[in-house]
C-alpha cells in the first residue's frame, strides 16, 4: 500500500510522547503488512480513513489516487472533535 505524510502530520507526530511515537511506528509497519489486522481498526469514515494507534490515539488519512496521505495524529478526544 502506498502512503505519505503531510508536514502537519510530521509536526504532530514529533510532538507526541516518545512511547506513542514508538507504538505509532510499530502500528504503521503492521498497517503496511496487513491493513486489515484487527488491532488497527482501520476504517473509512466518509472521505477519511482512520487507524487506531493505541486505545487513546488515532491517525487520519485521505486516499488520493493510489496513496493514503496521513495528515493528522493525536488523542482520541481530539479525533472525536475533528469528526464532529
N, C-alpha and C. Protein backbone atom coordinates (compact mmCIF):
# COMPACT_ATOMS: atom_id res chain seq x y z
N UNK A 1 0.84 -1.18 0.00
CA UNK A 1 0.00 0.00 0.00
C UNK A 1 0.89 1.24 0.00
N UNK A 2 0.58 2.19 -0.85
CA UNK A 2 1.33 3.43 -0.90
C UNK A 2 0.83 4.39 0.16
N UNK A 3 1.75 5.12 0.76
CA UNK A 3 1.34 6.14 1.73
C UNK A 3 2.38 7.23 1.79
N UNK A 4 1.94 8.38 2.28
CA UNK A 4 2.83 9.51 2.51
C UNK A 4 2.27 10.29 3.69
N UNK A 5 3.06 11.24 4.18
CA UNK A 5 2.62 12.09 5.29
C UNK A 5 2.75 13.55 4.91
N UNK A 6 1.89 14.35 5.50
CA UNK A 6 1.98 15.80 5.29
C UNK A 6 2.93 16.39 6.32
N UNK A 7 3.34 17.62 6.08
CA UNK A 7 4.21 18.30 7.06
C UNK A 7 3.47 18.48 8.38
N UNK A 8 2.18 18.71 8.33
CA UNK A 8 1.38 18.84 9.56
C UNK A 8 1.41 17.54 10.35
N UNK A 9 1.24 16.41 9.67
CA UNK A 9 1.30 15.12 10.35
C UNK A 9 2.66 14.94 11.02
N UNK A 10 3.73 15.25 10.30
CA UNK A 10 5.07 15.07 10.86
C UNK A 10 5.28 15.94 12.09
N UNK A 11 4.76 17.15 12.08
CA UNK A 11 4.87 18.04 13.25
C UNK A 11 4.07 17.48 14.42
N UNK A 12 2.84 17.06 14.16
CA UNK A 12 2.02 16.46 15.22
C UNK A 12 2.69 15.22 15.79
N UNK A 13 3.28 14.41 14.91
CA UNK A 13 3.98 13.20 15.34
C UNK A 13 5.16 13.54 16.25
N UNK A 14 5.94 14.53 15.86
CA UNK A 14 7.11 14.94 16.66
C UNK A 14 6.71 15.42 18.05
N UNK A 15 5.51 15.97 18.17
CA UNK A 15 5.03 16.49 19.45
C UNK A 15 4.45 15.40 20.36
N UNK A 16 4.29 14.20 19.85
CA UNK A 16 3.75 13.10 20.66
C UNK A 16 4.79 12.62 21.66
N UNK A 17 4.34 12.04 22.78
CA UNK A 17 5.29 11.39 23.70
C UNK A 17 6.08 10.30 22.96
N UNK A 18 7.33 10.11 23.37
CA UNK A 18 8.19 9.13 22.69
C UNK A 18 7.58 7.74 22.64
N UNK A 19 6.93 7.32 23.71
CA UNK A 19 6.32 5.99 23.74
C UNK A 19 5.23 5.87 22.67
N UNK A 20 4.44 6.92 22.49
CA UNK A 20 3.38 6.89 21.47
C UNK A 20 4.00 6.91 20.08
N UNK A 21 5.09 7.65 19.90
CA UNK A 21 5.79 7.64 18.61
C UNK A 21 6.26 6.22 18.27
N UNK A 22 6.82 5.53 19.26
CA UNK A 22 7.31 4.17 19.05
C UNK A 22 6.16 3.25 18.64
N UNK A 23 5.05 3.33 19.37
CA UNK A 23 3.90 2.49 19.05
C UNK A 23 3.34 2.85 17.67
N UNK A 24 3.30 4.13 17.35
CA UNK A 24 2.80 4.56 16.04
C UNK A 24 3.65 3.98 14.92
N UNK A 25 4.96 3.96 15.10
CA UNK A 25 5.84 3.35 14.09
C UNK A 25 5.54 1.85 13.94
N UNK A 26 5.34 1.18 15.07
CA UNK A 26 5.01 -0.25 15.03
C UNK A 26 3.68 -0.48 14.33
N UNK A 27 2.69 0.34 14.64
CA UNK A 27 1.37 0.18 14.01
C UNK A 27 1.43 0.48 12.52
N UNK A 28 2.27 1.45 12.14
CA UNK A 28 2.43 1.76 10.72
C UNK A 28 3.02 0.56 9.98
N UNK A 29 4.03 -0.06 10.58
CA UNK A 29 4.63 -1.24 9.96
C UNK A 29 3.60 -2.36 9.83
N UNK A 30 2.78 -2.54 10.85
CA UNK A 30 1.72 -3.55 10.79
C UNK A 30 0.71 -3.20 9.71
N UNK A 31 0.33 -1.93 9.62
CA UNK A 31 -0.62 -1.49 8.60
C UNK A 31 -0.08 -1.76 7.20
N UNK A 32 1.21 -1.50 6.99
CA UNK A 32 1.82 -1.75 5.68
C UNK A 32 1.77 -3.25 5.35
N UNK A 33 1.92 -4.08 6.38
CA UNK A 33 1.93 -5.53 6.19
C UNK A 33 0.52 -6.09 6.04
N UNK A 34 -0.41 -5.59 6.87
CA UNK A 34 -1.78 -6.13 6.90
C UNK A 34 -2.74 -5.06 7.41
N UNK A 35 -3.26 -4.26 6.51
CA UNK A 35 -4.13 -3.15 6.92
C UNK A 35 -5.42 -3.64 7.57
N UNK A 36 -5.75 -4.91 7.38
CA UNK A 36 -6.98 -5.46 7.98
C UNK A 36 -6.75 -6.09 9.35
N UNK A 37 -5.55 -5.96 9.88
CA UNK A 37 -5.28 -6.54 11.19
C UNK A 37 -6.27 -5.96 12.20
N UNK A 38 -6.92 -6.81 12.99
CA UNK A 38 -7.98 -6.34 13.89
C UNK A 38 -7.56 -5.26 14.88
N UNK A 39 -6.31 -5.26 15.30
CA UNK A 39 -5.87 -4.28 16.29
C UNK A 39 -5.84 -2.86 15.74
N UNK A 40 -5.84 -2.73 14.42
CA UNK A 40 -5.74 -1.40 13.81
C UNK A 40 -7.08 -0.67 13.71
N UNK A 41 -8.16 -1.42 13.67
CA UNK A 41 -9.48 -0.81 13.49
C UNK A 41 -9.46 0.16 12.30
N UNK A 42 -8.79 -0.23 11.23
CA UNK A 42 -8.65 0.61 10.04
C UNK A 42 -10.00 0.67 9.33
N UNK A 43 -10.53 1.89 9.19
CA UNK A 43 -11.86 2.01 8.59
C UNK A 43 -12.03 3.35 7.90
N UNK A 44 -12.98 3.35 6.97
CA UNK A 44 -13.32 4.58 6.27
C UNK A 44 -14.45 5.27 7.01
N UNK A 45 -14.28 6.59 7.17
CA UNK A 45 -15.30 7.44 7.80
C UNK A 45 -15.53 8.59 6.83
N UNK A 46 -16.56 8.49 6.02
CA UNK A 46 -16.78 9.50 4.98
C UNK A 46 -15.63 9.44 3.99
N UNK A 47 -14.97 10.58 3.78
CA UNK A 47 -13.82 10.65 2.87
C UNK A 47 -12.50 10.37 3.56
N UNK A 48 -12.54 10.11 4.86
CA UNK A 48 -11.33 9.91 5.65
C UNK A 48 -11.14 8.44 5.97
N UNK A 49 -9.89 8.10 6.31
CA UNK A 49 -9.54 6.77 6.78
C UNK A 49 -8.92 6.91 8.16
N UNK A 50 -9.35 6.06 9.07
CA UNK A 50 -8.91 6.13 10.46
C UNK A 50 -8.18 4.84 10.85
N UNK A 51 -7.14 5.00 11.66
CA UNK A 51 -6.43 3.84 12.19
C UNK A 51 -6.17 4.06 13.68
N UNK A 52 -6.28 2.99 14.43
CA UNK A 52 -6.04 3.04 15.87
C UNK A 52 -4.54 2.87 16.12
N UNK A 53 -3.95 3.84 16.82
CA UNK A 53 -2.55 3.74 17.23
C UNK A 53 -2.49 3.05 18.59
N UNK A 54 -3.23 3.58 19.54
CA UNK A 54 -3.41 2.97 20.86
C UNK A 54 -4.87 3.17 21.23
N UNK A 55 -5.21 2.75 22.41
CA UNK A 55 -6.59 2.96 22.87
C UNK A 55 -6.93 4.45 22.88
N UNK A 56 -5.94 5.29 23.13
CA UNK A 56 -6.18 6.73 23.27
C UNK A 56 -5.66 7.59 22.12
N UNK A 57 -5.09 6.99 21.08
CA UNK A 57 -4.54 7.77 19.96
C UNK A 57 -5.03 7.20 18.64
N UNK A 58 -5.28 8.11 17.68
CA UNK A 58 -5.73 7.74 16.34
C UNK A 58 -4.92 8.53 15.30
N UNK A 59 -4.95 8.05 14.07
CA UNK A 59 -4.36 8.77 12.94
C UNK A 59 -5.38 8.79 11.81
N UNK A 60 -5.34 9.86 11.02
CA UNK A 60 -6.28 10.03 9.91
C UNK A 60 -5.54 10.23 8.59
N UNK A 61 -6.14 9.68 7.54
CA UNK A 61 -5.60 9.82 6.19
C UNK A 61 -6.73 10.10 5.22
N UNK A 62 -6.35 10.59 4.06
CA UNK A 62 -7.26 10.65 2.93
C UNK A 62 -6.64 9.78 1.84
N UNK A 63 -7.47 9.24 0.97
CA UNK A 63 -6.98 8.39 -0.11
C UNK A 63 -7.05 9.19 -1.40
N UNK A 64 -5.89 9.42 -1.99
CA UNK A 64 -5.79 10.16 -3.25
C UNK A 64 -5.11 9.28 -4.28
N UNK A 65 -5.81 9.07 -5.39
CA UNK A 65 -5.33 8.20 -6.46
C UNK A 65 -5.00 6.84 -5.86
N UNK A 66 -3.73 6.50 -5.71
CA UNK A 66 -3.38 5.19 -5.16
C UNK A 66 -2.60 5.30 -3.86
N UNK A 67 -2.75 6.43 -3.15
CA UNK A 67 -1.93 6.70 -1.97
C UNK A 67 -2.76 7.17 -0.79
N UNK A 68 -2.50 6.61 0.37
CA UNK A 68 -3.06 7.12 1.61
C UNK A 68 -2.16 8.25 2.09
N UNK A 69 -2.73 9.43 2.26
CA UNK A 69 -1.98 10.60 2.72
C UNK A 69 -2.36 10.84 4.18
N UNK A 70 -1.43 10.55 5.07
CA UNK A 70 -1.66 10.73 6.50
C UNK A 70 -1.46 12.19 6.85
N UNK A 71 -2.51 12.81 7.41
CA UNK A 71 -2.46 14.25 7.66
C UNK A 71 -2.65 14.63 9.12
N UNK A 72 -3.06 13.66 9.96
CA UNK A 72 -3.32 14.00 11.36
C UNK A 72 -3.06 12.80 12.25
N UNK A 73 -2.53 13.07 13.47
CA UNK A 73 -2.38 12.05 14.50
C UNK A 73 -2.54 12.75 15.84
N UNK A 74 -3.28 12.13 16.75
CA UNK A 74 -3.50 12.76 18.06
C UNK A 74 -4.37 11.90 18.95
N UNK A 75 -4.84 12.52 20.02
CA UNK A 75 -5.62 11.79 21.01
C UNK A 75 -7.01 11.46 20.49
N UNK A 76 -7.61 10.49 21.13
CA UNK A 76 -8.97 10.09 20.75
C UNK A 76 -9.94 11.24 20.98
N UNK A 77 -9.75 12.02 22.03
CA UNK A 77 -10.63 13.17 22.30
C UNK A 77 -10.53 14.19 21.16
N UNK A 78 -9.31 14.47 20.70
CA UNK A 78 -9.12 15.40 19.57
C UNK A 78 -9.74 14.81 18.30
N UNK A 79 -9.58 13.53 18.12
CA UNK A 79 -10.15 12.80 16.98
C UNK A 79 -11.67 12.97 16.95
N UNK A 80 -12.30 12.76 18.11
CA UNK A 80 -13.75 12.93 18.19
C UNK A 80 -14.17 14.34 17.79
N UNK A 81 -13.40 15.34 18.23
CA UNK A 81 -13.71 16.74 17.88
C UNK A 81 -13.56 16.98 16.38
N UNK A 82 -12.51 16.42 15.79
CA UNK A 82 -12.30 16.59 14.34
C UNK A 82 -13.43 15.99 13.52
N UNK A 83 -13.99 14.90 14.00
CA UNK A 83 -15.01 14.20 13.22
C UNK A 83 -16.42 14.74 13.43
N UNK A 84 -16.57 15.70 14.32
CA UNK A 84 -17.91 16.29 14.55
C UNK A 84 -18.38 17.05 13.34
